[in-house]
Amino acid sequence: MMSLTVQLEFSGGAELLFDRVKYHKVQLPQKPVPWTLRHLIAWIAGNLVKERTELFTLEETVRPGILVLVNNIDWELLGHLDYKLQNDDTIVFISTLHGG
C-alpha cells in the first residue's frame, strides 16, 4: 500500500493547538490497513498537536465542538471515524467553542 498525502486545515481557534499554523500538507506513513479518520486523529494528536492534546481529542475522536469536514462534506455523512482516507483529501477541523 502506498503512503497518502492529505491536506489538513485547522480553524475557529483549533489552529492555536498547532502553533497557529492553519494549513498542513502531510504525508502519512504506509500502513498494512487503509488509513481512516480514526487513525488520522490519533496520528495528529501524536505528531502535530504542540500542546494540550486534550483540547483536540477525547478518547479516539475529536472533542465535542470540533466540526470535521472531508472535502467540504460533513464527516457524519461519510462514515465518521471509519471513513477511509483517499490521496489528496482535504480534512478541515473547525472549533465551534469560543470563550466569552
C-alpha atoms as a PDB file:
ATOM      1  CA  MET A   1       0.000   0.000   0.000  1.00  0.00           C
ATOM      2  CA  MET A   2       1.256   3.484  -0.851  1.00  0.00           C
ATOM      3  CA  SER A   3       1.573   6.336   1.584  1.00  0.00           C
ATOM      4  CA  LEU A   4      -1.117   9.021   1.498  1.00  0.00           C
ATOM      5  CA  THR A   5      -0.802  12.774   1.194  1.00  0.00           C
ATOM      6  CA  VAL A   6      -3.605  14.804   2.764  1.00  0.00           C
ATOM      7  CA  GLN A   7      -4.210  18.492   3.374  1.00  0.00           C
ATOM      8  CA  LEU A   8      -5.214  19.368   6.951  1.00  0.00           C
ATOM      9  CA  GLU A   9      -6.782  22.668   7.932  1.00  0.00           C
ATOM     10  CA  PHE A  10      -7.438  23.900  11.466  1.00  0.00           C
ATOM     11  CA  SER A  11      -9.590  26.974  12.140  1.00  0.00           C
ATOM     12  CA  GLY A  12     -12.035  28.599  14.534  1.00  0.00           C
ATOM     13  CA  GLY A  13      -9.359  28.564  17.218  1.00  0.00           C
ATOM     14  CA  ALA A  14      -8.229  24.961  16.666  1.00  0.00           C
ATOM     15  CA  GLU A  15      -5.096  26.306  14.977  1.00  0.00           C
ATOM     16  CA  LEU A  16      -3.896  27.568  18.376  1.00  0.00           C
ATOM     17  CA  LEU A  17      -3.056  23.956  19.265  1.00  0.00           C
ATOM     18  CA  PHE A  18      -0.783  23.769  16.199  1.00  0.00           C
ATOM     19  CA  ASP A  19       1.451  26.816  16.800  1.00  0.00           C
ATOM     20  CA  ARG A  20      -1.135  28.941  14.949  1.00  0.00           C
ATOM     21  CA  VAL A  21      -0.432  27.093  11.700  1.00  0.00           C
ATOM     22  CA  LYS A  22      -3.743  26.614   9.882  1.00  0.00           C
ATOM     23  CA  TYR A  23      -2.622  24.519   6.923  1.00  0.00           C
ATOM     24  CA  HIS A  24      -0.590  21.327   6.978  1.00  0.00           C
ATOM     25  CA  LYS A  25       0.144  19.139   3.976  1.00  0.00           C
ATOM     26  CA  VAL A  26       1.181  15.810   5.434  1.00  0.00           C
ATOM     27  CA  GLN A  27       2.379  12.538   4.034  1.00  0.00           C
ATOM     28  CA  LEU A  28       1.059   9.705   6.158  1.00  0.00           C
ATOM     29  CA  PRO A  29       3.269   6.632   6.511  1.00  0.00           C
ATOM     30  CA  GLN A  30       2.361   3.321   4.937  1.00  0.00           C
ATOM     31  CA  LYS A  31       0.080   1.067   6.964  1.00  0.00           C
ATOM     32  CA  PRO A  32      -0.961  -2.558   6.441  1.00  0.00           C
ATOM     33  CA  VAL A  33      -4.603  -1.419   6.642  1.00  0.00           C
ATOM     34  CA  PRO A  34      -6.274   1.594   4.974  1.00  0.00           C
ATOM     35  CA  TRP A  35      -5.987   4.935   6.776  1.00  0.00           C
ATOM     36  CA  THR A  36      -9.253   6.030   8.391  1.00  0.00           C
ATOM     37  CA  LEU A  37     -10.212   9.228  10.174  1.00  0.00           C
ATOM     38  CA  ARG A  38      -9.827   7.292  13.449  1.00  0.00           C
ATOM     39  CA  HIS A  39      -6.162   6.596  12.573  1.00  0.00           C
ATOM     40  CA  LEU A  40      -5.638  10.157  11.342  1.00  0.00           C
ATOM     41  CA  ILE A  41      -6.933  11.754  14.560  1.00  0.00           C
ATOM     42  CA  ALA A  42      -4.568   9.600  16.636  1.00  0.00           C
ATOM     43  CA  TRP A  43      -1.695  10.461  14.275  1.00  0.00           C
ATOM     44  CA  ILE A  44      -2.462  14.207  14.510  1.00  0.00           C
ATOM     45  CA  ALA A  45      -2.578  14.013  18.318  1.00  0.00           C
ATOM     46  CA  GLY A  46       0.780  12.235  18.399  1.00  0.00           C
ATOM     47  CA  ASN A  47       2.579  14.191  15.684  1.00  0.00           C
ATOM     48  CA  LEU A  48       1.111  17.655  15.111  1.00  0.00           C
ATOM     49  CA  VAL A  49      -0.536  18.931  18.298  1.00  0.00           C
ATOM     50  CA  LYS A  50       2.034  21.117  20.029  1.00  0.00           C
ATOM     51  CA  GLU A  51       0.381  21.397  23.427  1.00  0.00           C
ATOM     52  CA  ARG A  52      -2.739  20.373  25.336  1.00  0.00           C
ATOM     53  CA  THR A  53      -3.734  17.386  23.243  1.00  0.00           C
ATOM     54  CA  GLU A  54      -6.834  17.008  25.436  1.00  0.00           C
ATOM     55  CA  LEU A  55      -8.271  20.154  23.823  1.00  0.00           C
ATOM     56  CA  PHE A  56      -8.261  18.377  20.452  1.00  0.00           C
ATOM     57  CA  THR A  57      -9.034  14.739  21.229  1.00  0.00           C
ATOM     58  CA  LEU A  58     -11.288  12.856  23.594  1.00  0.00           C
ATOM     59  CA  GLU A  59     -10.593   9.120  23.626  1.00  0.00           C
ATOM     60  CA  GLU A  60     -10.319   8.117  19.942  1.00  0.00           C
ATOM     61  CA  THR A  61     -12.175  11.033  18.370  1.00  0.00           C
ATOM     62  CA  VAL A  62     -12.140  14.832  18.356  1.00  0.00           C
ATOM     63  CA  ARG A  63     -13.632  16.703  21.274  1.00  0.00           C
ATOM     64  CA  PRO A  64     -17.278  17.756  21.097  1.00  0.00           C
ATOM     65  CA  GLY A  65     -17.472  21.175  19.471  1.00  0.00           C
ATOM     66  CA  ILE A  66     -14.976  20.430  16.700  1.00  0.00           C
ATOM     67  CA  LEU A  67     -16.601  20.085  13.289  1.00  0.00           C
ATOM     68  CA  VAL A  68     -14.865  17.811  10.803  1.00  0.00           C
ATOM     69  CA  LEU A  69     -15.253  18.189   7.048  1.00  0.00           C
ATOM     70  CA  VAL A  70     -13.751  15.902   4.421  1.00  0.00           C
ATOM     71  CA  ASN A  71     -13.566  17.614   1.030  1.00  0.00           C
ATOM     72  CA  ASN A  72     -16.215  20.081   2.310  1.00  0.00           C
ATOM     73  CA  ILE A  73     -18.607  17.286   3.366  1.00  0.00           C
ATOM     74  CA  ASP A  74     -19.597  16.679   6.986  1.00  0.00           C
ATOM     75  CA  TRP A  75     -17.809  13.527   8.147  1.00  0.00           C
ATOM     76  CA  GLU A  76     -21.066  12.262   9.683  1.00  0.00           C
ATOM     77  CA  LEU A  77     -22.305  11.716   6.121  1.00  0.00           C
ATOM     78  CA  LEU A  78     -19.157   9.812   5.152  1.00  0.00           C
ATOM     79  CA  GLY A  79     -18.958   7.222   7.924  1.00  0.00           C
ATOM     80  CA  HIS A  80     -17.488   9.327  10.741  1.00  0.00           C
ATOM     81  CA  LEU A  81     -14.348   7.687  12.190  1.00  0.00           C
ATOM     82  CA  ASP A  82     -14.489   4.801   9.710  1.00  0.00           C
ATOM     83  CA  TYR A  83     -14.126   6.978   6.583  1.00  0.00           C
ATOM     84  CA  LYS A  84     -11.212   5.630   4.537  1.00  0.00           C
ATOM     85  CA  LEU A  85      -8.861   8.425   3.545  1.00  0.00           C
ATOM     86  CA  GLN A  86      -8.044   8.969  -0.115  1.00  0.00           C
ATOM     87  CA  ASN A  87      -4.918  10.551  -1.542  1.00  0.00           C
ATOM     88  CA  ASP A  88      -5.239  14.363  -1.701  1.00  0.00           C
ATOM     89  CA  ASP A  89      -8.258  14.515   0.660  1.00  0.00           C
ATOM     90  CA  THR A  90      -8.683  17.817   2.475  1.00  0.00           C
ATOM     91  CA  ILE A  91      -9.745  17.403   6.095  1.00  0.00           C
ATOM     92  CA  VAL A  92     -10.870  20.528   7.950  1.00  0.00           C
ATOM     93  CA  PHE A  93     -11.218  20.772  11.727  1.00  0.00           C
ATOM     94  CA  ILE A  94     -13.231  23.790  12.889  1.00  0.00           C
ATOM     95  CA  SER A  95     -13.585  24.611  16.551  1.00  0.00           C
ATOM     96  CA  THR A  96     -17.019  25.948  17.453  1.00  0.00           C
ATOM     97  CA  LEU A  97     -16.020  26.543  21.077  1.00  0.00           C
ATOM     98  CA  HIS A  98     -15.238  30.131  21.879  1.00  0.00           C
ATOM     99  CA  GLY A  99     -14.583  31.827  25.190  1.00  0.00           C
ATOM    100  CA  GLY A 100     -16.827  34.616  26.260  1.00  0.00           C
END
